Amino acid sequence: MEIGLGILTFGTLSLGLIIPYLSIRGLQKLKDSDAPKSALSRDGIEERLATES
């Protein structure tokens, strides 16, 4: 019973650290890529207007 509780405890803690880490890495890759920005952001609007003219 105590071993199972330890596994659940450390499993939960490790998932609590892994998920945010992967999220941050994904956001950083998206930020560094050359993907178009959202049209709702200020710099996204400027980017779209600059490509139209």
PDB file of N, CA and C in Angstrom:
ATOM      1  N   MET A   1       0.827  -1.198   0.000  1.00  0.00           N
ATOM      2  CA  MET A   1       0.000   0.000   0.000  1.00  0.00           C
ATOM      3  C   MET A   1       0.868   1.256   0.000  1.00  0.00           C
ATOM      4  N   GLU A   2       1.930   1.253   0.794  1.00  0.00           N
ATOM      5  CA  GLU A   2       2.803   2.426   0.863  1.00  0.00           C
ATOM      6  C   GLU A   2       3.578   2.623  -0.431  1.00  0.00           C
ATOM      7  N   ILE A   3       3.927   1.537  -1.094  1.00  0.00           N
ATOM      8  CA  ILE A   3       4.659   1.643  -2.356  1.00  0.00           C
ATOM      9  C   ILE A   3       3.759   2.271  -3.425  1.00  0.00           C
ATOM     10  N   GLY A   4       2.514   1.846  -3.466  1.00  0.00           N
ATOM     11  CA  GLY A   4       1.569   2.407  -4.434  1.00  0.00           C
ATOM     12  C   GLY A   4       1.342   3.885  -4.211  1.00  0.00           C
ATOM     13  N   LEU A   5       1.283   4.289  -2.945  1.00  0.00           N
ATOM     14  CA  LEU A   5       1.101   5.698  -2.623  1.00  0.00           C
ATOM     15  C   LEU A   5       2.312   6.517  -3.065  1.00  0.00           C
ATOM     16  N   GLY A   6       3.502   5.969  -2.903  1.00  0.00           N
ATOM     17  CA  GLY A   6       4.722   6.653  -3.345  1.00  0.00           C
ATOM     18  C   GLY A   6       4.763   6.794  -4.853  1.00  0.00           C
ATOM     19  N   ILE A   7       4.353   5.730  -5.552  1.00  0.00           N
ATOM     20  CA  ILE A   7       4.339   5.782  -7.014  1.00  0.00           C
ATOM     21  C   ILE A   7       3.346   6.834  -7.496  1.00  0.00           C
ATOM     22  N   LEU A   8       2.159   6.861  -6.898  1.00  0.00           N
ATOM     23  CA  LEU A   8       1.165   7.862  -7.282  1.00  0.00           C
ATOM     24  C   LEU A   8       1.641   9.276  -6.971  1.00  0.00           C
ATOM     25  N   THR A   9       2.294   9.442  -5.821  1.00  0.00           N
ATOM     26  CA  THR A   9       2.774  10.767  -5.435  1.00  0.00           C
ATOM     27  C   THR A   9       3.829  11.284  -6.412  1.00  0.00           C
ATOM     28  N   PHE A  10       4.846  10.467  -6.667  1.00  0.00           N
ATOM     29  CA  PHE A  10       5.921  10.921  -7.551  1.00  0.00           C
ATOM     30  C   PHE A  10       5.472  10.964  -9.008  1.00  0.00           C
ATOM     31  N   GLY A  11       4.524  10.127  -9.374  1.00  0.00           N
ATOM     32  CA  GLY A  11       3.971  10.201 -10.726  1.00  0.00           C
ATOM     33  C   GLY A  11       3.232  11.507 -10.946  1.00  0.00           C
ATOM     34  N   THR A  12       2.441  11.901  -9.956  1.00  0.00           N
ATOM     35  CA  THR A  12       1.699  13.158 -10.056  1.00  0.00           C
ATOM     36  C   THR A  12       2.643  14.353 -10.088  1.00  0.00           C
ATOM     37  N   LEU A  13       3.647  14.333  -9.237  1.00  0.00           N
ATOM     38  CA  LEU A  13       4.612  15.439  -9.217  1.00  0.00           C
ATOM     39  C   LEU A  13       5.383  15.535 -10.529  1.00  0.00           C
ATOM     40  N   SER A  14       5.778  14.386 -11.072  1.00  0.00           N
ATOM     41  CA  SER A  14       6.543  14.434 -12.316  1.00  0.00           C
ATOM     42  C   SER A  14       5.670  14.908 -13.477  1.00  0.00           C
ATOM     43  N   LEU A  15       4.420  14.485 -13.529  1.00  0.00           N
ATOM     44  CA  LEU A  15       3.530  14.983 -14.581  1.00  0.00           C
ATOM     45  C   LEU A  15       3.282  16.478 -14.421  1.00  0.00           C
ATOM     46  N   GLY A  16       3.231  16.944 -13.185  1.00  0.00           N
ATOM     47  CA  GLY A  16       3.046  18.369 -12.929  1.00  0.00           C
ATOM     48  C   GLY A  16       4.229  19.198 -13.382  1.00  0.00           C
ATOM     49  N   LEU A  17       5.381  18.585 -13.547  1.00  0.00           N
ATOM     50  CA  LEU A  17       6.558  19.297 -14.052  1.00  0.00           C
ATOM     51  C   LEU A  17       6.761  19.092 -15.548  1.00  0.00           C
ATOM     52  N   ILE A  18       6.400  17.918 -16.043  1.00  0.00           N
ATOM     53  CA  ILE A  18       6.629  17.602 -17.453  1.00  0.00           C
ATOM     54  C   ILE A  18       5.674  18.371 -18.366  1.00  0.00           C
ATOM     55  N   ILE A  19       4.409  18.441 -17.999  1.00  0.00           N
ATOM     56  CA  ILE A  19       3.414  19.093 -18.866  1.00  0.00           C
ATOM     57  C   ILE A  19       3.728  20.577 -19.073  1.00  0.00           C
ATOM     58  N   PRO A  20       4.010  21.360 -18.033  1.00  0.00           N
ATOM     59  CA  PRO A  20       4.378  22.771 -18.285  1.00  0.00           C
ATOM     60  C   PRO A  20       5.679  22.919 -19.077  1.00  0.00           C
ATOM     61  N   TYR A  21       6.630  22.031 -18.839  1.00  0.00           N
ATOM     62  CA  TYR A  21       7.894  22.092 -19.583  1.00  0.00           C
ATOM     63  C   TYR A  21       7.650  21.892 -21.079  1.00  0.00           C
ATOM     64  N   LEU A  22       6.848  20.888 -21.424  1.00  0.00           N
ATOM     65  CA  LEU A  22       6.548  20.638 -22.827  1.00  0.00           C
ATOM     66  C   LEU A  22       5.749  21.791 -23.441  1.00  0.00           C
ATOM     67  N   SER A  23       4.874  22.386 -22.660  1.00  0.00           N
ATOM     68  CA  SER A  23       4.096  23.523 -23.143  1.00  0.00           C
ATOM     69  C   SER A  23       5.006  24.710 -23.440  1.00  0.00           C
ATOM     70  N   ILE A  24       5.934  24.979 -22.562  1.00  0.00           N
ATOM     71  CA  ILE A  24       6.866  26.094 -22.758  1.00  0.00           C
ATOM     72  C   ILE A  24       7.742  25.845 -23.985  1.00  0.00           C
ATOM     73  N   ARG A  25       8.211  24.606 -24.149  1.00  0.00           N
ATOM     74  CA  ARG A  25       9.027  24.280 -25.326  1.00  0.00           C
ATOM     75  C   ARG A  25       8.237  24.470 -26.608  1.00  0.00           C
ATOM     76  N   GLY A  26       6.982  24.057 -26.614  1.00  0.00           N
ATOM     77  CA  GLY A  26       6.144  24.214 -27.802  1.00  0.00           C
ATOM     78  C   GLY A  26       5.903  25.665 -28.138  1.00  0.00           C
ATOM     79  N   LEU A  27       5.656  26.478 -27.116  1.00  0.00           N
ATOM     80  CA  LEU A  27       5.446  27.909 -27.352  1.00  0.00           C
ATOM     81  C   LEU A  27       6.717  28.572 -27.860  1.00  0.00           C
ATOM     82  N   GLN A  28       7.862  28.154 -27.343  1.00  0.00           N
ATOM     83  CA  GLN A  28       9.128  28.731 -27.784  1.00  0.00           C
ATOM     84  C   GLN A  28       9.409  28.374 -29.236  1.00  0.00           C
ATOM     85  N   LYS A  29       9.105  27.132 -29.626  1.00  0.00           N
ATOM     86  CA  LYS A  29       9.302  26.731 -31.022  1.00  0.00           C
ATOM     87  C   LYS A  29       8.376  27.526 -31.943  1.00  0.00           C
ATOM     88  N   LEU A  30       7.149  27.736 -31.518  1.00  0.00           N
ATOM     89  CA  LEU A  30       6.208  28.507 -32.315  1.00  0.00           C
ATOM     90  C   LEU A  30       6.653  29.961 -32.431  1.00  0.00           C
ATOM     91  N   LYS A  31       7.183  30.501 -31.347  1.00  0.00           N
ATOM     92  CA  LYS A  31       7.657  31.884 -31.351  1.00  0.00           C
ATOM     93  C   LYS A  31       8.874  32.051 -32.261  1.00  0.00           C
ATOM     94  N   ASP A  32       9.743  31.050 -32.287  1.00  0.00           N
ATOM     95  CA  ASP A  32      10.947  31.123 -33.114  1.00  0.00           C
ATOM     96  C   ASP A  32      10.680  30.792 -34.576  1.00  0.00           C
ATOM     97  N   SER A  33       9.550  30.171 -34.871  1.00  0.00           N
ATOM     98  CA  SER A  33       9.262  29.790 -36.256  1.00  0.00           C
ATOM     99  C   SER A  33       8.815  31.008 -37.057  1.00  0.00           C
ATOM    100  N   ASP A  34       8.624  30.782 -38.326  1.00  0.00           N
ATOM    101  CA  ASP A  34       8.236  31.867 -39.225  1.00  0.00           C
ATOM    102  C   ASP A  34       6.738  31.817 -39.517  1.00  0.00           C
ATOM    103  N   ALA A  35       5.972  31.286 -38.585  1.00  0.00           N
ATOM    104  CA  ALA A  35       4.519  31.164 -38.761  1.00  0.00           C
ATOM    105  C   ALA A  35       3.875  32.546 -38.717  1.00  0.00           C
ATOM    106  N   PRO A  36       2.785  32.743 -39.455  1.00  0.00           N
ATOM    107  CA  PRO A  36       2.112  34.045 -39.414  1.00  0.00           C
ATOM    108  C   PRO A  36       1.506  34.309 -38.039  1.00  0.00           C
ATOM    109  N   LYS A  37       1.494  35.552 -37.646  1.00  0.00           N
ATOM    110  CA  LYS A  37       0.958  35.925 -36.347  1.00  0.00           C
ATOM    111  C   LYS A  37      -0.549  36.054 -36.423  1.00  0.00           C
ATOM    112  N   SER A  38      -1.177  36.070 -35.283  1.00  0.00           N
ATOM    113  CA  SER A  38      -2.630  36.189 -35.218  1.00  0.00           C
ATOM    114  C   SER A  38      -3.071  37.554 -35.740  1.00  0.00           C
ATOM    115  N   ALA A  39      -4.187  37.576 -36.445  1.00  0.00           N
ATOM    116  CA  ALA A  39      -4.716  38.837 -36.962  1.00  0.00           C
ATOM    117  C   ALA A  39      -5.305  39.687 -35.847  1.00  0.00           C
ATOM    118  N   LEU A  40      -5.476  39.101 -34.670  1.00  0.00           N
ATOM    119  CA  LEU A  40      -6.039  39.851 -33.551  1.00  0.00           C
ATOM    120  C   LEU A  40      -4.990  40.650 -32.786  1.00  0.00           C
ATOM    121  N   SER A  41      -3.721  40.320 -32.978  1.00  0.00           N
ATOM    122  CA  SER A  41      -2.673  41.048 -32.268  1.00  0.00           C
ATOM    123  C   SER A  41      -2.261  42.285 -33.050  1.00  0.00           C
ATOM    124  N   ARG A  42      -1.682  43.250 -32.368  1.00  0.00           N
ATOM    125  CA  ARG A  42      -1.286  44.505 -33.010  1.00  0.00           C
ATOM    126  C   ARG A  42      -0.220  44.257 -34.074  1.00  0.00           C
ATOM    127  N   ASP A  43       0.794  43.485 -33.743  1.00  0.00           N
ATOM    128  CA  ASP A  43       1.844  43.242 -34.733  1.00  0.00           C
ATOM    129  C   ASP A  43       1.374  42.298 -35.836  1.00  0.00           C
ATOM    130  N   GLY A  44       0.353  41.473 -35.577  1.00  0.00           N
ATOM    131  CA  GLY A  44      -0.212  40.622 -36.620  1.00  0.00           C
ATOM    132  C   GLY A  44      -0.939  41.440 -37.663  1.00  0.00           C
ATOM    133  N   ILE A  45      -1.682  42.434 -37.212  1.00  0.00           N
ATOM    134  CA  ILE A  45      -2.382  43.337 -38.153  1.00  0.00           C
ATOM    135  C   ILE A  45      -1.365  44.084 -39.015  1.00  0.00           C
ATOM    136  N   GLU A  46      -0.312  44.600 -38.376  1.00  0.00           N
ATOM    137  CA  GLU A  46       0.720  45.330 -39.123  1.00  0.00           C
ATOM    138  C   GLU A  46       1.404  44.424 -40.131  1.00  0.00           C
ATOM    139  N   GLU A  47       1.623  43.178 -39.743  1.00  0.00           N
ATOM    140  CA  GLU A  47       2.268  42.230 -40.650  1.00  0.00           C
ATOM    141  C   GLU A  47       1.387  41.945 -41.863  1.00  0.00           C
ATOM    142  N   ARG A  48       0.083  41.771 -41.644  1.00  0.00           N
ATOM    143  CA  ARG A  48      -0.835  41.479 -42.742  1.00  0.00           C
ATOM    144  C   ARG A  48      -1.009  42.700 -43.657  1.00  0.00           C
ATOM    145  N   LEU A  49      -1.064  43.895 -43.081  1.00  0.00           N
ATOM    146  CA  LEU A  49      -1.187  45.103 -43.910  1.00  0.00           C
ATOM    147  C   LEU A  49       0.061  45.342 -44.735  1.00  0.00           C
ATOM    148  N   ALA A  50       1.222  44.996 -44.181  1.00  0.00           N
ATOM    149  CA  ALA A  50       2.476  45.189 -44.913  1.00  0.00           C
ATOM    150  C   ALA A  50       2.580  44.227 -46.098  1.00  0.00           C
ATOM    151  N   THR A  51       2.032  43.024 -45.958  1.00  0.00           N
ATOM    152  CA  THR A  51       2.110  42.066 -47.069  1.00  0.00           C
ATOM    153  C   THR A  51       1.087  42.348 -48.157  1.00  0.00           C
ATOM    154  N   GLU A  52       0.006  43.033 -47.822  1.00  0.00           N
ATOM    155  CA  GLU A  52      -1.015  43.343 -48.819  1.00  0.00           C
ATOM    156  C   GLU A  52      -0.579  44.460 -49.765  1.00  0.00           C
ATOM    157  N   SER A  53       0.213  45.393 -49.277  1.00  0.00           N
ATOM    158  CA  SER A  53       0.589  46.513 -50.141  1.00  0.00           C
ATOM    159  C   SER A  53       1.901  46.297 -50.828  1.00  0.00           C
TER     160      SER A  53
END
